[in-house]
Amino acid sequence: FVKAQAQKVEVQKTENGYQFLRNGKPYYVKGAGGDTHLDLLLNIGGNSIRTWGIENAQEILDLAHSKGISVMLGFWIQHERHGFDYNNEVKVQNQINYYKKAINQFKNHPALLMWGIGNEVDLFYSNTRVWDAIEDIAKYAHQVDPNHPTSTVTAGLDSMEVALIKQKEPDIDVY
C-alpha cells in the first residue's frame, strides 16, 4: 500500500435530494456487496464495494485502492438475536473500543468511502440500546475522522423505527 491521503467524502443536500461529494466532486456510488470479483465489478461499470466486517480490511482496502474502487467499510455490530446482551455494559464498551481502534487504523486509507456501522441489528430485537452503541461509534468517527460519513443499515423501513433511529442516531449521516 502506497501512502496516500484520505479522500474527503461529504453528503450534500441538493434540490433533488442528497449526493456524495468525493474530494469536492459529485460521486455516484455504483456498488456491490462483498470483496470478491472486483475486476467484474469494474467491467460492468462499478466503482464501490461494501463489507460487513473488518476481517482482512487492510488487504481489501489496499486491493480496492489499487483498482480505483471505494469501500464502505462495514462494522459487524453484534446482534441481540445471536445472543449479544446490550444491557451488559462491559461487553458493549469492549465492542465500541474495538471499532474505535478500527476507525483510528483505517480513517486515512484512500479507498475508504464511509463507515458502515451495523447491519440489520434490528432484525428480531427488542433492546433499543443497540442504537446507543451505534451512536457512540458514529460520534467517535465524527470526532476523529472529518473525512468520511457514517451509515447504518436496517432490515426494512418501519416508520416508527425510522423515527427512533433519527432521534437516537444524530451522528449517522446516511441511513
N, C-alpha and C. Protein backbone atom coordinates (compact mmCIF):
# COMPACT_ATOMS: atom_id res chain seq x y z
N PHE A 1 0.84 -1.19 0.00
CA PHE A 1 0.00 0.00 0.00
C PHE A 1 0.87 1.24 0.00
N VAL A 2 0.73 2.03 -1.00
CA VAL A 2 1.45 3.28 -1.11
C VAL A 2 0.75 4.30 -0.23
N LYS A 3 1.52 5.01 0.58
CA LYS A 3 0.94 6.02 1.47
C LYS A 3 0.24 7.08 0.63
N ALA A 4 -1.00 7.29 0.87
CA ALA A 4 -1.77 8.31 0.17
C ALA A 4 -2.72 8.94 1.17
N GLN A 5 -3.23 10.09 0.81
CA GLN A 5 -4.11 10.80 1.72
C GLN A 5 -5.53 10.28 1.64
N ALA A 6 -6.24 10.49 2.74
CA ALA A 6 -7.66 10.15 2.78
C ALA A 6 -8.40 10.98 1.73
N GLN A 7 -9.42 10.40 1.18
CA GLN A 7 -10.30 11.10 0.25
C GLN A 7 -11.43 11.72 1.07
N LYS A 8 -11.64 13.01 0.95
CA LYS A 8 -12.71 13.67 1.71
C LYS A 8 -14.05 13.36 1.05
N VAL A 9 -14.95 12.79 1.85
CA VAL A 9 -16.28 12.42 1.37
C VAL A 9 -17.30 13.19 2.19
N GLU A 10 -18.22 13.83 1.50
CA GLU A 10 -19.27 14.59 2.17
C GLU A 10 -20.63 14.18 1.61
N VAL A 11 -21.66 14.37 2.42
CA VAL A 11 -23.04 14.20 1.97
C VAL A 11 -23.59 15.61 1.82
N GLN A 12 -24.03 15.93 0.61
CA GLN A 12 -24.51 17.29 0.33
C GLN A 12 -25.99 17.26 -0.03
N LYS A 13 -26.76 18.14 0.60
CA LYS A 13 -28.18 18.26 0.25
C LYS A 13 -28.27 19.07 -1.04
N THR A 14 -29.09 18.58 -1.97
CA THR A 14 -29.33 19.28 -3.23
C THR A 14 -30.83 19.52 -3.37
N GLU A 15 -31.23 20.20 -4.44
CA GLU A 15 -32.66 20.43 -4.65
C GLU A 15 -33.41 19.13 -4.96
N ASN A 16 -32.66 18.10 -5.38
CA ASN A 16 -33.29 16.81 -5.72
C ASN A 16 -33.08 15.73 -4.68
N GLY A 17 -32.47 16.05 -3.56
CA GLY A 17 -32.19 15.04 -2.54
C GLY A 17 -30.81 15.23 -1.96
N TYR A 18 -30.02 14.17 -2.03
CA TYR A 18 -28.67 14.22 -1.48
C TYR A 18 -27.70 13.60 -2.47
N GLN A 19 -26.44 14.00 -2.35
CA GLN A 19 -25.41 13.39 -3.17
C GLN A 19 -24.12 13.33 -2.37
N PHE A 20 -23.26 12.39 -2.76
CA PHE A 20 -21.91 12.34 -2.21
C PHE A 20 -21.03 13.29 -2.98
N LEU A 21 -20.11 13.92 -2.26
CA LEU A 21 -19.00 14.63 -2.88
C LEU A 21 -17.75 13.93 -2.41
N ARG A 22 -16.88 13.58 -3.35
CA ARG A 22 -15.59 12.96 -3.01
C ARG A 22 -14.53 13.90 -3.54
N ASN A 23 -13.75 14.45 -2.62
CA ASN A 23 -12.76 15.47 -2.96
C ASN A 23 -13.41 16.63 -3.71
N GLY A 24 -14.61 17.01 -3.27
CA GLY A 24 -15.31 18.16 -3.82
C GLY A 24 -16.07 17.90 -5.11
N LYS A 25 -16.01 16.69 -5.65
CA LYS A 25 -16.69 16.38 -6.92
C LYS A 25 -17.82 15.38 -6.66
N PRO A 26 -18.94 15.52 -7.37
CA PRO A 26 -20.02 14.56 -7.20
C PRO A 26 -19.53 13.13 -7.44
N TYR A 27 -19.97 12.24 -6.56
CA TYR A 27 -19.56 10.84 -6.64
C TYR A 27 -20.80 9.98 -6.55
N TYR A 28 -21.11 9.29 -7.63
CA TYR A 28 -22.27 8.41 -7.67
C TYR A 28 -21.80 6.99 -7.42
N VAL A 29 -22.31 6.37 -6.36
CA VAL A 29 -21.91 5.02 -5.99
C VAL A 29 -22.60 4.02 -6.92
N LYS A 30 -21.77 3.21 -7.56
CA LYS A 30 -22.26 2.08 -8.36
C LYS A 30 -21.56 0.87 -7.75
N GLY A 31 -22.23 0.25 -6.80
CA GLY A 31 -21.52 -0.70 -5.97
C GLY A 31 -22.13 -2.08 -5.88
N ALA A 32 -21.39 -2.88 -5.14
CA ALA A 32 -21.78 -4.26 -4.88
C ALA A 32 -21.38 -4.61 -3.45
N GLY A 33 -22.02 -5.64 -2.93
CA GLY A 33 -21.68 -6.13 -1.60
C GLY A 33 -20.62 -7.21 -1.70
N GLY A 34 -19.64 -7.13 -0.82
CA GLY A 34 -18.59 -8.13 -0.78
C GLY A 34 -17.29 -7.63 -1.36
N ASP A 35 -16.27 -8.48 -1.27
CA ASP A 35 -14.93 -8.04 -1.67
C ASP A 35 -14.28 -8.96 -2.70
N THR A 36 -15.10 -9.68 -3.43
CA THR A 36 -14.57 -10.55 -4.48
C THR A 36 -15.07 -10.06 -5.84
N HIS A 37 -14.49 -10.58 -6.88
CA HIS A 37 -14.90 -10.25 -8.26
C HIS A 37 -14.77 -8.76 -8.55
N LEU A 38 -13.71 -8.14 -8.05
CA LEU A 38 -13.54 -6.70 -8.25
C LEU A 38 -13.33 -6.35 -9.72
N ASP A 39 -12.65 -7.20 -10.47
CA ASP A 39 -12.47 -6.92 -11.89
C ASP A 39 -13.81 -6.97 -12.63
N LEU A 40 -14.67 -7.91 -12.26
CA LEU A 40 -16.00 -7.97 -12.85
C LEU A 40 -16.78 -6.70 -12.51
N LEU A 41 -16.69 -6.27 -11.26
CA LEU A 41 -17.35 -5.03 -10.85
C LEU A 41 -16.91 -3.87 -11.74
N LEU A 42 -15.62 -3.76 -11.96
CA LEU A 42 -15.10 -2.69 -12.82
C LEU A 42 -15.61 -2.84 -14.25
N ASN A 43 -15.61 -4.07 -14.75
CA ASN A 43 -16.04 -4.32 -16.13
C ASN A 43 -17.49 -3.94 -16.38
N ILE A 44 -18.33 -4.02 -15.35
CA ILE A 44 -19.74 -3.66 -15.53
C ILE A 44 -20.02 -2.22 -15.07
N GLY A 45 -18.96 -1.47 -14.80
CA GLY A 45 -19.12 -0.05 -14.50
C GLY A 45 -19.20 0.29 -13.03
N GLY A 46 -18.90 -0.66 -12.15
CA GLY A 46 -18.96 -0.39 -10.72
C GLY A 46 -17.76 0.39 -10.23
N ASN A 47 -17.93 1.03 -9.07
CA ASN A 47 -16.84 1.82 -8.50
C ASN A 47 -16.70 1.68 -6.98
N SER A 48 -17.58 0.87 -6.35
CA SER A 48 -17.59 0.80 -4.90
C SER A 48 -18.01 -0.58 -4.43
N ILE A 49 -17.52 -0.94 -3.23
CA ILE A 49 -17.96 -2.17 -2.58
C ILE A 49 -18.33 -1.87 -1.14
N ARG A 50 -19.06 -2.82 -0.58
CA ARG A 50 -19.45 -2.74 0.83
C ARG A 50 -19.01 -4.02 1.50
N THR A 51 -18.42 -3.87 2.70
CA THR A 51 -18.10 -5.05 3.50
C THR A 51 -19.03 -5.06 4.71
N TRP A 52 -19.08 -6.22 5.38
CA TRP A 52 -19.90 -6.35 6.58
C TRP A 52 -19.04 -6.50 7.83
N GLY A 53 -17.76 -6.62 7.65
CA GLY A 53 -16.85 -6.79 8.77
C GLY A 53 -15.48 -6.26 8.41
N ILE A 54 -14.59 -6.26 9.40
CA ILE A 54 -13.26 -5.70 9.15
C ILE A 54 -12.17 -6.77 9.11
N GLU A 55 -12.56 -8.04 9.05
CA GLU A 55 -11.57 -9.08 8.86
C GLU A 55 -10.91 -8.81 7.50
N ASN A 56 -9.62 -8.82 7.46
CA ASN A 56 -8.86 -8.57 6.23
C ASN A 56 -9.08 -7.18 5.65
N ALA A 57 -9.47 -6.23 6.48
CA ALA A 57 -9.79 -4.89 5.99
C ALA A 57 -8.61 -4.24 5.29
N GLN A 58 -7.41 -4.40 5.84
CA GLN A 58 -6.24 -3.76 5.21
C GLN A 58 -6.05 -4.28 3.79
N GLU A 59 -6.11 -5.60 3.61
CA GLU A 59 -5.92 -6.18 2.28
C GLU A 59 -7.02 -5.75 1.33
N ILE A 60 -8.26 -5.74 1.82
CA ILE A 60 -9.40 -5.34 0.99
C ILE A 60 -9.27 -3.89 0.56
N LEU A 61 -8.97 -3.02 1.51
CA LEU A 61 -8.81 -1.59 1.18
C LEU A 61 -7.65 -1.38 0.20
N ASP A 62 -6.55 -2.07 0.43
CA ASP A 62 -5.40 -1.91 -0.46
C ASP A 62 -5.73 -2.38 -1.87
N LEU A 63 -6.36 -3.54 -1.99
CA LEU A 63 -6.71 -4.07 -3.30
C LEU A 63 -7.72 -3.15 -3.99
N ALA A 64 -8.73 -2.72 -3.26
CA ALA A 64 -9.72 -1.80 -3.83
C ALA A 64 -9.04 -0.53 -4.32
N HIS A 65 -8.14 0.02 -3.52
CA HIS A 65 -7.45 1.24 -3.91
C HIS A 65 -6.63 1.02 -5.19
N SER A 66 -5.98 -0.12 -5.30
CA SER A 66 -5.16 -0.40 -6.49
C SER A 66 -6.02 -0.46 -7.75
N LYS A 67 -7.32 -0.69 -7.59
CA LYS A 67 -8.22 -0.78 -8.73
C LYS A 67 -9.13 0.45 -8.87
N GLY A 68 -8.94 1.43 -8.00
CA GLY A 68 -9.75 2.64 -8.08
C GLY A 68 -11.16 2.46 -7.54
N ILE A 69 -11.33 1.52 -6.62
CA ILE A 69 -12.64 1.23 -6.05
C ILE A 69 -12.71 1.78 -4.64
N SER A 70 -13.85 2.39 -4.30
CA SER A 70 -14.04 2.89 -2.94
C SER A 70 -14.75 1.82 -2.11
N VAL A 71 -14.62 1.96 -0.76
CA VAL A 71 -15.13 0.93 0.14
C VAL A 71 -15.95 1.54 1.27
N MET A 72 -17.18 1.03 1.42
CA MET A 72 -17.94 1.29 2.64
C MET A 72 -17.51 0.19 3.59
N LEU A 73 -16.67 0.56 4.57
CA LEU A 73 -16.12 -0.42 5.50
C LEU A 73 -17.14 -0.72 6.58
N GLY A 74 -17.64 -1.95 6.56
CA GLY A 74 -18.71 -2.34 7.47
C GLY A 74 -18.20 -2.84 8.80
N PHE A 75 -18.86 -2.42 9.85
CA PHE A 75 -18.58 -2.89 11.20
C PHE A 75 -19.72 -3.83 11.60
N TRP A 76 -19.39 -5.10 11.83
CA TRP A 76 -20.40 -6.07 12.23
C TRP A 76 -20.72 -5.86 13.72
N ILE A 77 -21.72 -5.05 13.97
CA ILE A 77 -22.19 -4.81 15.33
C ILE A 77 -22.99 -6.03 15.75
N GLN A 78 -22.69 -6.55 16.93
CA GLN A 78 -23.31 -7.80 17.38
C GLN A 78 -24.83 -7.67 17.48
N HIS A 79 -25.51 -8.76 17.19
CA HIS A 79 -26.97 -8.79 17.16
C HIS A 79 -27.52 -9.43 18.44
N GLU A 80 -28.58 -8.84 18.92
CA GLU A 80 -29.29 -9.42 20.06
C GLU A 80 -29.80 -10.82 19.71
N ARG A 81 -30.25 -11.01 18.47
CA ARG A 81 -30.80 -12.31 18.08
C ARG A 81 -29.76 -13.42 18.07
N HIS A 82 -28.48 -13.03 18.10
CA HIS A 82 -27.40 -14.00 18.17
C HIS A 82 -26.85 -14.12 19.59
N GLY A 83 -27.55 -13.52 20.56
CA GLY A 83 -27.19 -13.68 21.96
C GLY A 83 -26.45 -12.53 22.59
N PHE A 84 -26.20 -11.44 21.86
CA PHE A 84 -25.48 -10.31 22.46
C PHE A 84 -26.44 -9.53 23.36
N ASP A 85 -25.97 -9.19 24.55
CA ASP A 85 -26.79 -8.50 25.56
C ASP A 85 -26.36 -7.04 25.65
N TYR A 86 -27.19 -6.14 25.16
CA TYR A 86 -26.88 -4.72 25.19
C TYR A 86 -27.08 -4.10 26.57
N ASN A 87 -27.49 -4.89 27.56
CA ASN A 87 -27.51 -4.43 28.94
C ASN A 87 -26.18 -4.74 29.65
N ASN A 88 -25.32 -5.52 29.01
CA ASN A 88 -24.00 -5.84 29.57
C ASN A 88 -23.04 -4.73 29.16
N GLU A 89 -22.85 -3.78 30.06
CA GLU A 89 -22.08 -2.59 29.73
C GLU A 89 -20.62 -2.88 29.39
N VAL A 90 -20.04 -3.88 30.01
CA VAL A 90 -18.65 -4.24 29.72
C VAL A 90 -18.52 -4.75 28.29
N LYS A 91 -19.40 -5.67 27.90
CA LYS A 91 -19.35 -6.20 26.53
C LYS A 91 -19.63 -5.11 25.50
N VAL A 92 -20.58 -4.26 25.80
CA VAL A 92 -20.91 -3.17 24.88
C VAL A 92 -19.71 -2.25 24.72
N GLN A 93 -19.06 -1.88 25.84
CA GLN A 93 -17.91 -0.98 25.76
C GLN A 93 -16.74 -1.64 25.05
N ASN A 94 -16.54 -2.94 25.25
CA ASN A 94 -15.48 -3.65 24.53
C ASN A 94 -15.72 -3.60 23.02
N GLN A 95 -16.98 -3.76 22.61
CA GLN A 95 -17.30 -3.69 21.19
C GLN A 95 -17.04 -2.29 20.65
N ILE A 96 -17.46 -1.28 21.38
CA ILE A 96 -17.23 0.11 20.96
C ILE A 96 -15.73 0.37 20.84
N ASN A 97 -14.95 -0.05 21.82
CA ASN A 97 -13.50 0.17 21.79
C ASN A 97 -12.84 -0.53 20.60
N TYR A 98 -13.32 -1.72 20.28
CA TYR A 98 -12.79 -2.48 19.13
C TYR A 98 -12.96 -1.67 17.84
N TYR A 99 -14.12 -1.06 17.65
CA TYR A 99 -14.35 -0.30 16.44
C TYR A 99 -13.70 1.08 16.47
N LYS A 100 -13.49 1.63 17.65
CA LYS A 100 -12.72 2.87 17.73
C LYS A 100 -11.30 2.64 17.21
N LYS A 101 -10.71 1.50 17.57
CA LYS A 101 -9.37 1.17 17.08
C LYS A 101 -9.38 1.03 15.57
N ALA A 102 -10.42 0.41 15.03
CA ALA A 102 -10.52 0.25 13.58
C ALA A 102 -10.63 1.61 12.89
N ILE A 103 -11.41 2.51 13.45
CA ILE A 103 -11.54 3.85 12.87
C ILE A 103 -10.18 4.52 12.86
N ASN A 104 -9.46 4.44 13.97
CA ASN A 104 -8.13 5.05 14.03
C ASN A 104 -7.19 4.43 13.00
N GLN A 105 -7.30 3.13 12.82
CA GLN A 105 -6.39 2.42 11.91
C GLN A 105 -6.68 2.74 10.44
N PHE A 106 -7.94 2.85 10.05
CA PHE A 106 -8.28 2.92 8.63
C PHE A 106 -8.79 4.28 8.15
N LYS A 107 -8.92 5.26 9.03
CA LYS A 107 -9.54 6.53 8.65
C LYS A 107 -8.82 7.29 7.55
N ASN A 108 -7.54 7.04 7.38
CA ASN A 108 -6.80 7.77 6.34
C ASN A 108 -6.55 6.95 5.08
N HIS A 109 -7.18 5.79 5.00
CA HIS A 109 -6.97 4.96 3.80
C HIS A 109 -7.67 5.61 2.61
N PRO A 110 -6.97 5.74 1.50
CA PRO A 110 -7.56 6.43 0.34
C PRO A 110 -8.74 5.71 -0.30
N ALA A 111 -8.93 4.42 -0.05
CA ALA A 111 -10.07 3.72 -0.63
C ALA A 111 -11.34 3.88 0.20
N LEU A 112 -11.22 4.34 1.44
CA LEU A 112 -12.37 4.43 2.33
C LEU A 112 -13.37 5.46 1.81
N LEU A 113 -14.61 5.02 1.66
CA LEU A 113 -15.69 5.91 1.26
C LEU A 113 -16.49 6.36 2.47
N MET A 114 -16.86 5.40 3.32
CA MET A 114 -17.65 5.72 4.50
C MET A 114 -17.63 4.54 5.46
N TRP A 115 -18.10 4.80 6.68
CA TRP A 115 -18.20 3.77 7.71
C TRP A 115 -19.61 3.19 7.68
N GLY A 116 -19.71 1.87 7.65
CA GLY A 116 -21.00 1.18 7.72
C GLY A 116 -21.14 0.55 9.09
N ILE A 117 -21.84 1.21 9.99
CA ILE A 117 -21.87 0.80 11.40
C ILE A 117 -23.14 0.00 11.68
N GLY A 118 -23.02 -1.30 11.63
CA GLY A 118 -24.14 -2.18 11.90
C GLY A 118 -24.90 -2.56 10.65
N ASN A 119 -25.37 -3.79 10.64
CA ASN A 119 -26.16 -4.29 9.53
C ASN A 119 -27.34 -5.09 10.07
N GLU A 120 -28.54 -4.55 9.88
CA GLU A 120 -29.77 -5.23 10.26
C GLU A 120 -29.79 -5.69 11.72
N VAL A 121 -29.24 -4.86 12.60
CA VAL A 121 -29.24 -5.20 14.02
C VAL A 121 -30.66 -5.19 14.61
N ASP A 122 -31.59 -4.62 13.88
CA ASP A 122 -32.98 -4.52 14.34
C ASP A 122 -33.81 -5.76 14.03
N LEU A 123 -33.23 -6.71 13.34
CA LEU A 123 -33.98 -7.92 12.98
C LEU A 123 -34.20 -8.78 14.22
N PHE A 124 -35.44 -8.97 14.61
CA PHE A 124 -35.82 -9.78 15.78
C PHE A 124 -35.14 -9.28 17.06
N TYR A 125 -35.19 -7.99 17.30
CA TYR A 125 -34.58 -7.43 18.51
C TYR A 125 -35.65 -6.75 19.36
N SER A 126 -35.30 -6.51 20.62
CA SER A 126 -36.20 -5.75 21.49
C SER A 126 -35.46 -4.66 22.26
N ASN A 127 -34.15 -4.80 22.41
CA ASN A 127 -33.37 -3.85 23.21
C ASN A 127 -32.82 -2.74 22.31
N THR A 128 -33.44 -1.57 22.43
CA THR A 128 -33.04 -0.45 21.58
C THR A 128 -31.71 0.18 22.01
N ARG A 129 -31.10 -0.34 23.06
CA ARG A 129 -29.78 0.17 23.47
C ARG A 129 -28.72 -0.10 22.40
N VAL A 130 -29.00 -1.01 21.47
CA VAL A 130 -28.08 -1.23 20.37
C VAL A 130 -27.83 0.08 19.62
N TRP A 131 -28.86 0.92 19.52
CA TRP A 131 -28.70 2.20 18.81
C TRP A 131 -27.79 3.15 19.57
N ASP A 132 -27.77 3.04 20.90
CA ASP A 132 -26.83 3.86 21.68
C ASP A 132 -25.40 3.46 21.36
N ALA A 133 -25.15 2.17 21.23
CA ALA A 133 -23.80 1.70 20.91
C ALA A 133 -23.39 2.16 19.52
N ILE A 134 -24.31 2.06 18.56
CA ILE A 134 -24.00 2.51 17.19
C ILE A 134 -23.75 4.01 17.20
N GLU A 135 -24.54 4.76 17.94
CA GLU A 135 -24.34 6.21 18.02
C GLU A 135 -22.98 6.53 18.64
N ASP A 136 -22.58 5.80 19.67
CA ASP A 136 -21.27 6.05 20.29
C ASP A 136 -20.14 5.86 19.28
N ILE A 137 -20.25 4.84 18.45
CA ILE A 137 -19.22 4.59 17.43
C ILE A 137 -19.26 5.69 16.36
N ALA A 138 -20.45 6.04 15.91
CA ALA A 138 -20.58 7.08 14.88
C ALA A 138 -20.08 8.43 15.40
N LYS A 139 -20.40 8.74 16.64
CA LYS A 139 -19.95 10.01 17.23
C LYS A 139 -18.42 10.04 17.29
N TYR A 140 -17.83 8.92 17.70
CA TYR A 140 -16.36 8.85 17.74
C TYR A 140 -15.78 9.02 16.34
N ALA A 141 -16.39 8.38 15.35
CA ALA A 141 -15.90 8.52 13.98
C ALA A 141 -15.90 9.99 13.56
N HIS A 142 -16.95 10.70 13.89
CA HIS A 142 -17.01 12.13 13.54
C HIS A 142 -15.94 12.94 14.29
N GLN A 143 -15.65 12.55 15.51
CA GLN A 143 -14.66 13.29 16.31
C GLN A 143 -13.26 13.16 15.74
N VAL A 144 -12.91 11.97 15.27
CA VAL A 144 -11.52 11.73 14.85
C VAL A 144 -11.34 11.67 13.34
N ASP A 145 -12.43 11.61 12.59
CA ASP A 145 -12.33 11.47 11.14
C ASP A 145 -13.29 12.43 10.45
N PRO A 146 -12.81 13.60 10.09
CA PRO A 146 -13.68 14.57 9.42
C PRO A 146 -13.91 14.26 7.94
N ASN A 147 -13.30 13.21 7.45
CA ASN A 147 -13.33 12.96 6.00
C ASN A 147 -14.34 11.93 5.52
N HIS A 148 -15.00 11.22 6.44
CA HIS A 148 -15.88 10.15 5.99
C HIS A 148 -17.20 10.14 6.74
N PRO A 149 -18.31 10.04 6.01
CA PRO A 149 -19.62 9.95 6.66
C PRO A 149 -19.83 8.58 7.30
N THR A 150 -20.84 8.51 8.13
CA THR A 150 -21.23 7.28 8.81
C THR A 150 -22.58 6.82 8.28
N SER A 151 -22.81 5.53 8.38
CA SER A 151 -24.08 4.98 7.93
C SER A 151 -24.47 3.79 8.78
N THR A 152 -25.72 3.41 8.69
CA THR A 152 -26.20 2.16 9.27
C THR A 152 -27.27 1.61 8.35
N VAL A 153 -27.51 0.31 8.47
CA VAL A 153 -28.46 -0.38 7.60
C VAL A 153 -29.43 -1.15 8.47
N THR A 154 -30.72 -1.00 8.18
CA THR A 154 -31.73 -1.74 8.92
C THR A 154 -32.40 -2.76 8.00
N ALA A 155 -33.15 -3.66 8.61
CA ALA A 155 -33.89 -4.68 7.87
C ALA A 155 -35.28 -4.14 7.56
N GLY A 156 -35.38 -3.28 6.58
CA GLY A 156 -36.65 -2.68 6.22
C GLY A 156 -36.76 -1.25 6.72
N LEU A 157 -37.89 -0.62 6.44
CA LEU A 157 -38.10 0.78 6.82
C LEU A 157 -39.46 0.95 7.49
N ASP A 158 -39.54 0.56 8.74
CA ASP A 158 -40.72 0.78 9.55
C ASP A 158 -40.71 2.23 10.02
N SER A 159 -41.80 2.96 9.84
CA SER A 159 -41.82 4.40 10.14
C SER A 159 -41.50 4.70 11.60
N MET A 160 -41.96 3.87 12.53
CA MET A 160 -41.66 4.11 13.94
C MET A 160 -40.18 3.88 14.23
N GLU A 161 -39.60 2.87 13.59
CA GLU A 161 -38.18 2.62 13.79
C GLU A 161 -37.34 3.73 13.16
N VAL A 162 -37.74 4.21 12.00
CA VAL A 162 -37.03 5.33 11.37
C VAL A 162 -37.03 6.53 12.31
N ALA A 163 -38.16 6.83 12.92
CA ALA A 163 -38.24 7.96 13.86
C ALA A 163 -37.33 7.73 15.06
N LEU A 164 -37.31 6.50 15.57
CA LEU A 164 -36.44 6.16 16.70
C LEU A 164 -34.97 6.36 16.34
N ILE A 165 -34.58 5.86 15.20
CA ILE A 165 -33.18 5.96 14.77
C ILE A 165 -32.80 7.41 14.52
N LYS A 166 -33.68 8.17 13.89
CA LYS A 166 -33.38 9.59 13.67
C LYS A 166 -33.17 10.31 15.00
N GLN A 167 -33.93 9.91 16.02
CA GLN A 167 -33.79 10.52 17.34
C GLN A 167 -32.50 10.07 18.02
N LYS A 168 -32.22 8.78 17.99
CA LYS A 168 -31.09 8.21 18.74
C LYS A 168 -29.75 8.30 18.00
N GLU A 169 -29.77 8.56 16.70
CA GLU A 169 -28.57 8.48 15.88
C GLU A 169 -28.23 9.81 15.19
N PRO A 170 -28.01 10.88 15.92
CA PRO A 170 -27.69 12.14 15.25
C PRO A 170 -26.35 12.11 14.48
N ASP A 171 -25.49 11.17 14.80
CA ASP A 171 -24.20 11.10 14.11
C ASP A 171 -24.19 10.10 12.96
N ILE A 172 -25.34 9.56 12.59
CA ILE A 172 -25.44 8.74 11.38
C ILE A 172 -25.82 9.67 10.24
N ASP A 173 -24.98 9.70 9.22
CA ASP A 173 -25.20 10.60 8.09
C ASP A 173 -26.07 9.99 7.00
N VAL A 174 -25.93 8.68 6.80
CA VAL A 174 -26.65 8.00 5.72
C VAL A 174 -27.36 6.81 6.33
N TYR A 175 -28.66 6.75 6.12
CA TYR A 175 -29.46 5.66 6.67
C TYR A 175 -30.06 4.91 5.51
